[in-house]
Amino acid sequence: MIDAVRAQFNDRGGLPVFGQINRLRRRRNETEYPSPTTPGVTTEEAIQALAVARDAIDGAKRLIDTGRLGPFA
């Protein structure tokens, strides 16, 4: 699903944040299922993740407001 959203909307309508979501998902997976060498999450990394999450919410709202999506697009 992430690939589909990124392919459709990453470079259109100013919504590049959708390209960053997969990175967050991979990092979350690393921390939930760590290997012995997986580094812990830093404060800076957490702050950046929160910023991406806020941008993703704002981007989704902007995308909905464009009318380019139907209820089941």
PDB file of N, CA and C in Angstrom:
ATOM      1  N   MET A   1       0.817  -1.185   0.000  1.00  0.00           N
ATOM      2  CA  MET A   1       0.000   0.000   0.000  1.00  0.00           C
ATOM      3  C   MET A   1       0.868   1.260   0.000  1.00  0.00           C
ATOM      4  N   ILE A   2       1.925   1.235   0.767  1.00  0.00           N
ATOM      5  CA  ILE A   2       2.804   2.401   0.832  1.00  0.00           C
ATOM      6  C   ILE A   2       3.378   2.698  -0.547  1.00  0.00           C
ATOM      7  N   ASP A   3       3.786   1.650  -1.259  1.00  0.00           N
ATOM      8  CA  ASP A   3       4.351   1.851  -2.603  1.00  0.00           C
ATOM      9  C   ASP A   3       3.324   2.475  -3.538  1.00  0.00           C
ATOM     10  N   ALA A   4       2.070   2.042  -3.436  1.00  0.00           N
ATOM     11  CA  ALA A   4       1.023   2.586  -4.305  1.00  0.00           C
ATOM     12  C   ALA A   4       0.781   4.064  -4.009  1.00  0.00           C
ATOM     13  N   VAL A   5       0.705   4.423  -2.750  1.00  0.00           N
ATOM     14  CA  VAL A   5       0.495   5.828  -2.377  1.00  0.00           C
ATOM     15  C   VAL A   5       1.675   6.671  -2.826  1.00  0.00           C
ATOM     16  N   ARG A   6       2.880   6.170  -2.591  1.00  0.00           N
ATOM     17  CA  ARG A   6       4.072   6.920  -2.984  1.00  0.00           C
ATOM     18  C   ARG A   6       4.116   7.089  -4.501  1.00  0.00           C
ATOM     19  N   ALA A   7       3.806   6.046  -5.241  1.00  0.00           N
ATOM     20  CA  ALA A   7       3.845   6.123  -6.702  1.00  0.00           C
ATOM     21  C   ALA A   7       2.813   7.102  -7.243  1.00  0.00           C
ATOM     22  N   GLN A   8       1.648   7.163  -6.627  1.00  0.00           N
ATOM     23  CA  GLN A   8       0.579   8.014  -7.130  1.00  0.00           C
ATOM     24  C   GLN A   8       0.704   9.461  -6.677  1.00  0.00           C
ATOM     25  N   PHE A   9       1.180   9.685  -5.463  1.00  0.00           N
ATOM     26  CA  PHE A   9       1.073  11.025  -4.887  1.00  0.00           C
ATOM     27  C   PHE A   9       2.379  11.626  -4.398  1.00  0.00           C
ATOM     28  N   ASN A  10       3.482  10.923  -4.459  1.00  0.00           N
ATOM     29  CA  ASN A  10       4.737  11.424  -3.920  1.00  0.00           C
ATOM     30  C   ASN A  10       5.167  12.728  -4.573  1.00  0.00           C
ATOM     31  N   ASP A  11       5.111  12.814  -5.883  1.00  0.00           N
ATOM     32  CA  ASP A  11       5.607  13.996  -6.580  1.00  0.00           C
ATOM     33  C   ASP A  11       4.494  14.917  -7.066  1.00  0.00           C
ATOM     34  N   ARG A  12       3.274  14.610  -6.731  1.00  0.00           N
ATOM     35  CA  ARG A  12       2.150  15.436  -7.202  1.00  0.00           C
ATOM     36  C   ARG A  12       1.490  16.130  -6.024  1.00  0.00           C
ATOM     37  N   GLY A  13       1.143  17.340  -6.215  1.00  0.00           N
ATOM     38  CA  GLY A  13       0.386  18.055  -5.188  1.00  0.00           C
ATOM     39  C   GLY A  13       1.162  18.369  -3.931  1.00  0.00           C
ATOM     40  N   GLY A  14       2.482  18.346  -3.994  1.00  0.00           N
ATOM     41  CA  GLY A  14       3.273  18.710  -2.824  1.00  0.00           C
ATOM     42  C   GLY A  14       3.146  17.746  -1.668  1.00  0.00           C
ATOM     43  N   LEU A  15       3.091  16.441  -1.961  1.00  0.00           N
ATOM     44  CA  LEU A  15       2.913  15.468  -0.893  1.00  0.00           C
ATOM     45  C   LEU A  15       4.095  14.494  -0.798  1.00  0.00           C
ATOM     46  N   PRO A  16       5.331  15.003  -0.764  1.00  0.00           N
ATOM     47  CA  PRO A  16       6.488  14.113  -0.707  1.00  0.00           C
ATOM     48  C   PRO A  16       6.586  13.333   0.605  1.00  0.00           C
ATOM     49  N   VAL A  17       5.832  13.724   1.612  1.00  0.00           N
ATOM     50  CA  VAL A  17       5.906  13.037   2.904  1.00  0.00           C
ATOM     51  C   VAL A  17       5.527  11.572   2.778  1.00  0.00           C
ATOM     52  N   PHE A  18       4.699  11.233   1.804  1.00  0.00           N
ATOM     53  CA  PHE A  18       4.299   9.837   1.666  1.00  0.00           C
ATOM     54  C   PHE A  18       5.485   8.954   1.309  1.00  0.00           C
ATOM     55  N   GLY A  19       6.524   9.529   0.753  1.00  0.00           N
ATOM     56  CA  GLY A  19       7.734   8.764   0.475  1.00  0.00           C
ATOM     57  C   GLY A  19       8.544   8.458   1.725  1.00  0.00           C
ATOM     58  N   GLN A  20       8.278   9.150   2.824  1.00  0.00           N
ATOM     59  CA  GLN A  20       9.040   8.965   4.065  1.00  0.00           C
ATOM     60  C   GLN A  20       8.401   7.950   5.010  1.00  0.00           C
ATOM     61  N   ILE A  21       7.156   7.594   4.759  1.00  0.00           N
ATOM     62  CA  ILE A  21       6.436   6.714   5.687  1.00  0.00           C
ATOM     63  C   ILE A  21       7.052   5.325   5.743  1.00  0.00           C
ATOM     64  N   ASN A  22       7.497   4.804   4.610  1.00  0.00           N
ATOM     65  CA  ASN A  22       8.071   3.466   4.607  1.00  0.00           C
ATOM     66  C   ASN A  22       9.332   3.399   5.474  1.00  0.00           C
ATOM     67  N   ARG A  23      10.120   4.458   5.462  1.00  0.00           N
ATOM     68  CA  ARG A  23      11.313   4.504   6.319  1.00  0.00           C
ATOM     69  C   ARG A  23      10.919   4.396   7.790  1.00  0.00           C
ATOM     70  N   LEU A  24       9.855   5.087   8.180  1.00  0.00           N
ATOM     71  CA  LEU A  24       9.386   5.002   9.557  1.00  0.00           C
ATOM     72  C   LEU A  24       8.914   3.590   9.888  1.00  0.00           C
ATOM     73  N   ARG A  25       8.203   2.974   8.957  1.00  0.00           N
ATOM     74  CA  ARG A  25       7.700   1.630   9.172  1.00  0.00           C
ATOM     75  C   ARG A  25       8.849   0.634   9.356  1.00  0.00           C
ATOM     76  N   ARG A  26       9.891   0.742   8.524  1.00  0.00           N
ATOM     77  CA  ARG A  26      11.038  -0.151   8.636  1.00  0.00           C
ATOM     78  C   ARG A  26      11.762   0.038   9.966  1.00  0.00           C
ATOM     79  N   ARG A  27      11.930   1.289  10.365  1.00  0.00           N
ATOM     80  CA  ARG A  27      12.637   1.570  11.637  1.00  0.00           C
ATOM     81  C   ARG A  27      11.830   1.060  12.821  1.00  0.00           C
ATOM     82  N   ARG A  28      10.514   1.239  12.782  1.00  0.00           N
ATOM     83  CA  ARG A  28       9.670   0.719  13.855  1.00  0.00           C
ATOM     84  C   ARG A  28       9.814  -0.795  13.945  1.00  0.00           C
ATOM     85  N   ASN A  29       9.821  -1.464  12.792  1.00  0.00           N
ATOM     86  CA  ASN A  29       9.981  -2.908  12.769  1.00  0.00           C
ATOM     87  C   ASN A  29      11.324  -3.321  13.382  1.00  0.00           C
ATOM     88  N   GLU A  30      12.380  -2.585  13.068  1.00  0.00           N
ATOM     89  CA  GLU A  30      13.703  -2.878  13.637  1.00  0.00           C
ATOM     90  C   GLU A  30      13.693  -2.789  15.158  1.00  0.00           C
ATOM     91  N   THR A  31      12.983  -1.802  15.691  1.00  0.00           N
ATOM     92  CA  THR A  31      12.985  -1.624  17.146  1.00  0.00           C
ATOM     93  C   THR A  31      12.054  -2.608  17.852  1.00  0.00           C
ATOM     94  N   GLU A  32      11.008  -3.067  17.172  1.00  0.00           N
ATOM     95  CA  GLU A  32      10.116  -4.046  17.783  1.00  0.00           C
ATOM     96  C   GLU A  32      10.695  -5.448  17.745  1.00  0.00           C
ATOM     97  N   TYR A  33      11.515  -5.725  16.735  1.00  0.00           N
ATOM     98  CA  TYR A  33      12.145  -7.038  16.569  1.00  0.00           C
ATOM     99  C   TYR A  33      13.650  -6.834  16.407  1.00  0.00           C
ATOM    100  N   PRO A  34      14.306  -6.363  17.454  1.00  0.00           N
ATOM    101  CA  PRO A  34      15.717  -5.985  17.326  1.00  0.00           C
ATOM    102  C   PRO A  34      16.658  -7.176  17.228  1.00  0.00           C
ATOM    103  N   SER A  35      17.762  -6.933  16.564  1.00  0.00           N
ATOM    104  CA  SER A  35      18.883  -7.884  16.608  1.00  0.00           C
ATOM    105  C   SER A  35      19.822  -7.373  17.695  1.00  0.00           C
ATOM    106  N   PRO A  36      20.813  -8.151  18.063  1.00  0.00           N
ATOM    107  CA  PRO A  36      21.744  -7.673  19.103  1.00  0.00           C
ATOM    108  C   PRO A  36      22.477  -6.383  18.721  1.00  0.00           C
ATOM    109  N   THR A  37      22.543  -6.079  17.431  1.00  0.00           N
ATOM    110  CA  THR A  37      23.267  -4.885  16.996  1.00  0.00           C
ATOM    111  C   THR A  37      22.347  -3.715  16.643  1.00  0.00           C
ATOM    112  N   THR A  38      21.036  -3.877  16.827  1.00  0.00           N
ATOM    113  CA  THR A  38      20.109  -2.793  16.510  1.00  0.00           C
ATOM    114  C   THR A  38      20.296  -1.650  17.506  1.00  0.00           C
ATOM    115  N   PRO A  39      20.580  -0.446  16.995  1.00  0.00           N
ATOM    116  CA  PRO A  39      20.729   0.683  17.920  1.00  0.00           C
ATOM    117  C   PRO A  39      19.373   1.117  18.475  1.00  0.00           C
ATOM    118  N   GLY A  40      19.400   1.680  19.663  1.00  0.00           N
ATOM    119  CA  GLY A  40      18.176   2.201  20.246  1.00  0.00           C
ATOM    120  C   GLY A  40      17.732   3.463  19.529  1.00  0.00           C
ATOM    121  N   VAL A  41      16.514   3.836  19.773  1.00  0.00           N
ATOM    122  CA  VAL A  41      15.959   5.048  19.173  1.00  0.00           C
ATOM    123  C   VAL A  41      16.474   6.258  19.944  1.00  0.00           C
ATOM    124  N   THR A  42      16.979   7.230  19.215  1.00  0.00           N
ATOM    125  CA  THR A  42      17.478   8.451  19.845  1.00  0.00           C
ATOM    126  C   THR A  42      16.344   9.466  19.977  1.00  0.00           C
ATOM    127  N   THR A  43      16.551  10.436  20.822  1.00  0.00           N
ATOM    128  CA  THR A  43      15.577  11.509  20.977  1.00  0.00           C
ATOM    129  C   THR A  43      15.384  12.241  19.655  1.00  0.00           C
ATOM    130  N   GLU A  44      16.478  12.512  18.957  1.00  0.00           N
ATOM    131  CA  GLU A  44      16.401  13.208  17.667  1.00  0.00           C
ATOM    132  C   GLU A  44      15.592  12.395  16.654  1.00  0.00           C
ATOM    133  N   GLU A  45      15.812  11.085  16.630  1.00  0.00           N
ATOM    134  CA  GLU A  45      15.071  10.217  15.712  1.00  0.00           C
ATOM    135  C   GLU A  45      13.574  10.235  16.034  1.00  0.00           C
ATOM    136  N   ALA A  46      13.233  10.230  17.304  1.00  0.00           N
ATOM    137  CA  ALA A  46      11.832  10.284  17.716  1.00  0.00           C
ATOM    138  C   ALA A  46      11.194  11.615  17.320  1.00  0.00           C
ATOM    139  N   ILE A  47      11.920  12.694  17.497  1.00  0.00           N
ATOM    140  CA  ILE A  47      11.411  14.016  17.118  1.00  0.00           C
ATOM    141  C   ILE A  47      11.174  14.078  15.612  1.00  0.00           C
ATOM    142  N   GLN A  48      12.111  13.541  14.834  1.00  0.00           N
ATOM    143  CA  GLN A  48      11.946  13.510  13.374  1.00  0.00           C
ATOM    144  C   GLN A  48      10.754  12.653  12.972  1.00  0.00           C
ATOM    145  N   ALA A  49      10.554  11.512  13.641  1.00  0.00           N
ATOM    146  CA  ALA A  49       9.429  10.635  13.333  1.00  0.00           C
ATOM    147  C   ALA A  49       8.101  11.333  13.619  1.00  0.00           C
ATOM    148  N   LEU A  50       8.046  12.075  14.714  1.00  0.00           N
ATOM    149  CA  LEU A  50       6.824  12.827  15.023  1.00  0.00           C
ATOM    150  C   LEU A  50       6.542  13.888  13.967  1.00  0.00           C
ATOM    151  N   ALA A  51       7.579  14.530  13.484  1.00  0.00           N
ATOM    152  CA  ALA A  51       7.402  15.542  12.438  1.00  0.00           C
ATOM    153  C   ALA A  51       6.884  14.902  11.150  1.00  0.00           C
ATOM    154  N   VAL A  52       7.424  13.743  10.789  1.00  0.00           N
ATOM    155  CA  VAL A  52       6.955  13.044   9.590  1.00  0.00           C
ATOM    156  C   VAL A  52       5.492  12.622   9.770  1.00  0.00           C
ATOM    157  N   ALA A  53       5.151  12.133  10.958  1.00  0.00           N
ATOM    158  CA  ALA A  53       3.765  11.728  11.218  1.00  0.00           C
ATOM    159  C   ALA A  53       2.811  12.916  11.093  1.00  0.00           C
ATOM    160  N   ARG A  54       3.204  14.057  11.650  1.00  0.00           N
ATOM    161  CA  ARG A  54       2.358  15.256  11.520  1.00  0.00           C
ATOM    162  C   ARG A  54       2.219  15.674  10.060  1.00  0.00           C
ATOM    163  N   ASP A  55       3.336  15.634   9.332  1.00  0.00           N
ATOM    164  CA  ASP A  55       3.303  15.991   7.913  1.00  0.00           C
ATOM    165  C   ASP A  55       2.440  15.021   7.115  1.00  0.00           C
ATOM    166  N   ALA A  56       2.476  13.731   7.475  1.00  0.00           N
ATOM    167  CA  ALA A  56       1.656  12.735   6.779  1.00  0.00           C
ATOM    168  C   ALA A  56       0.169  12.998   7.008  1.00  0.00           C
ATOM    169  N   ILE A  57      -0.183  13.343   8.224  1.00  0.00           N
ATOM    170  CA  ILE A  57      -1.584  13.666   8.521  1.00  0.00           C
ATOM    171  C   ILE A  57      -2.007  14.907   7.740  1.00  0.00           C
ATOM    172  N   ASP A  58      -1.172  15.943   7.758  1.00  0.00           N
ATOM    173  CA  ASP A  58      -1.484  17.156   7.000  1.00  0.00           C
ATOM    174  C   ASP A  58      -1.569  16.863   5.501  1.00  0.00           C
ATOM    175  N   GLY A  59      -0.652  16.030   4.994  1.00  0.00           N
ATOM    176  CA  GLY A  59      -0.661  15.672   3.581  1.00  0.00           C
ATOM    177  C   GLY A  59      -1.911  14.900   3.206  1.00  0.00           C
ATOM    178  N   ALA A  60      -2.335  13.980   4.065  1.00  0.00           N
ATOM    179  CA  ALA A  60      -3.557  13.221   3.801  1.00  0.00           C
ATOM    180  C   ALA A  60      -4.769  14.144   3.778  1.00  0.00           C
ATOM    181  N   LYS A  61      -4.813  15.093   4.692  1.00  0.00           N
ATOM    182  CA  LYS A  61      -5.924  16.058   4.696  1.00  0.00           C
ATOM    183  C   LYS A  61      -5.932  16.888   3.416  1.00  0.00           C
ATOM    184  N   ARG A  62      -4.734  17.333   2.982  1.00  0.00           N
ATOM    185  CA  ARG A  62      -4.660  18.113   1.739  1.00  0.00           C
ATOM    186  C   ARG A  62      -5.083  17.278   0.543  1.00  0.00           C
ATOM    187  N   LEU A  63      -4.675  16.016   0.536  1.00  0.00           N
ATOM    188  CA  LEU A  63      -5.047  15.130  -0.554  1.00  0.00           C
ATOM    189  C   LEU A  63      -6.556  14.935  -0.607  1.00  0.00           C
ATOM    190  N   ILE A  64      -7.180  14.735   0.536  1.00  0.00           N
ATOM    191  CA  ILE A  64      -8.642  14.597   0.586  1.00  0.00           C
ATOM    192  C   ILE A  64      -9.306  15.871   0.094  1.00  0.00           C
ATOM    193  N   ASP A  65      -8.775  17.011   0.499  1.00  0.00           N
ATOM    194  CA  ASP A  65      -9.354  18.296   0.103  1.00  0.00           C
ATOM    195  C   ASP A  65      -9.246  18.576  -1.391  1.00  0.00           C
ATOM    196  N   THR A  66      -8.327  17.902  -2.097  1.00  0.00           N
ATOM    197  CA  THR A  66      -8.199  18.133  -3.542  1.00  0.00           C
ATOM    198  C   THR A  66      -9.356  17.544  -4.317  1.00  0.00           C
ATOM    199  N   GLY A  67     -10.070  16.599  -3.719  1.00  0.00           N
ATOM    200  CA  GLY A  67     -11.165  15.936  -4.426  1.00  0.00           C
ATOM    201  C   GLY A  67     -10.688  14.877  -5.398  1.00  0.00           C
ATOM    202  N   ARG A  68      -9.386  14.564  -5.403  1.00  0.00           N
ATOM    203  CA  ARG A  68      -8.845  13.574  -6.327  1.00  0.00           C
ATOM    204  C   ARG A  68      -9.161  12.143  -5.898  1.00  0.00           C
ATOM    205  N   LEU A  69      -9.636  11.972  -4.688  1.00  0.00           N
ATOM    206  CA  LEU A  69      -9.963  10.652  -4.185  1.00  0.00           C
ATOM    207  C   LEU A  69     -11.457  10.522  -3.953  1.00  0.00           C
ATOM    208  N   GLY A  70     -12.015   9.415  -4.381  1.00  0.00           N
ATOM    209  CA  GLY A  70     -13.388   9.100  -4.026  1.00  0.00           C
ATOM    210  C   GLY A  70     -13.380   8.374  -2.691  1.00  0.00           C
ATOM    211  N   PRO A  71     -14.538   7.989  -2.185  1.00  0.00           N
ATOM    212  CA  PRO A  71     -14.574   7.339  -0.885  1.00  0.00           C
ATOM    213  C   PRO A  71     -13.823   6.006  -0.849  1.00  0.00           C
ATOM    214  N   PHE A  72     -13.668   5.333  -1.999  1.00  0.00           N
ATOM    215  CA  PHE A  72     -12.973   4.054  -2.030  1.00  0.00           C
ATOM    216  C   PHE A  72     -11.885   4.053  -3.085  1.00  0.00           C
ATOM    217  N   ALA A  73     -11.151   5.157  -3.197  1.00  0.00           N
ATOM    218  CA  ALA A  73     -10.137   5.298  -4.253  1.00  0.00           C
ATOM    219  C   ALA A  73      -8.987   4.366  -4.075  1.00  0.00           C
TER     220      ALA A  73
END
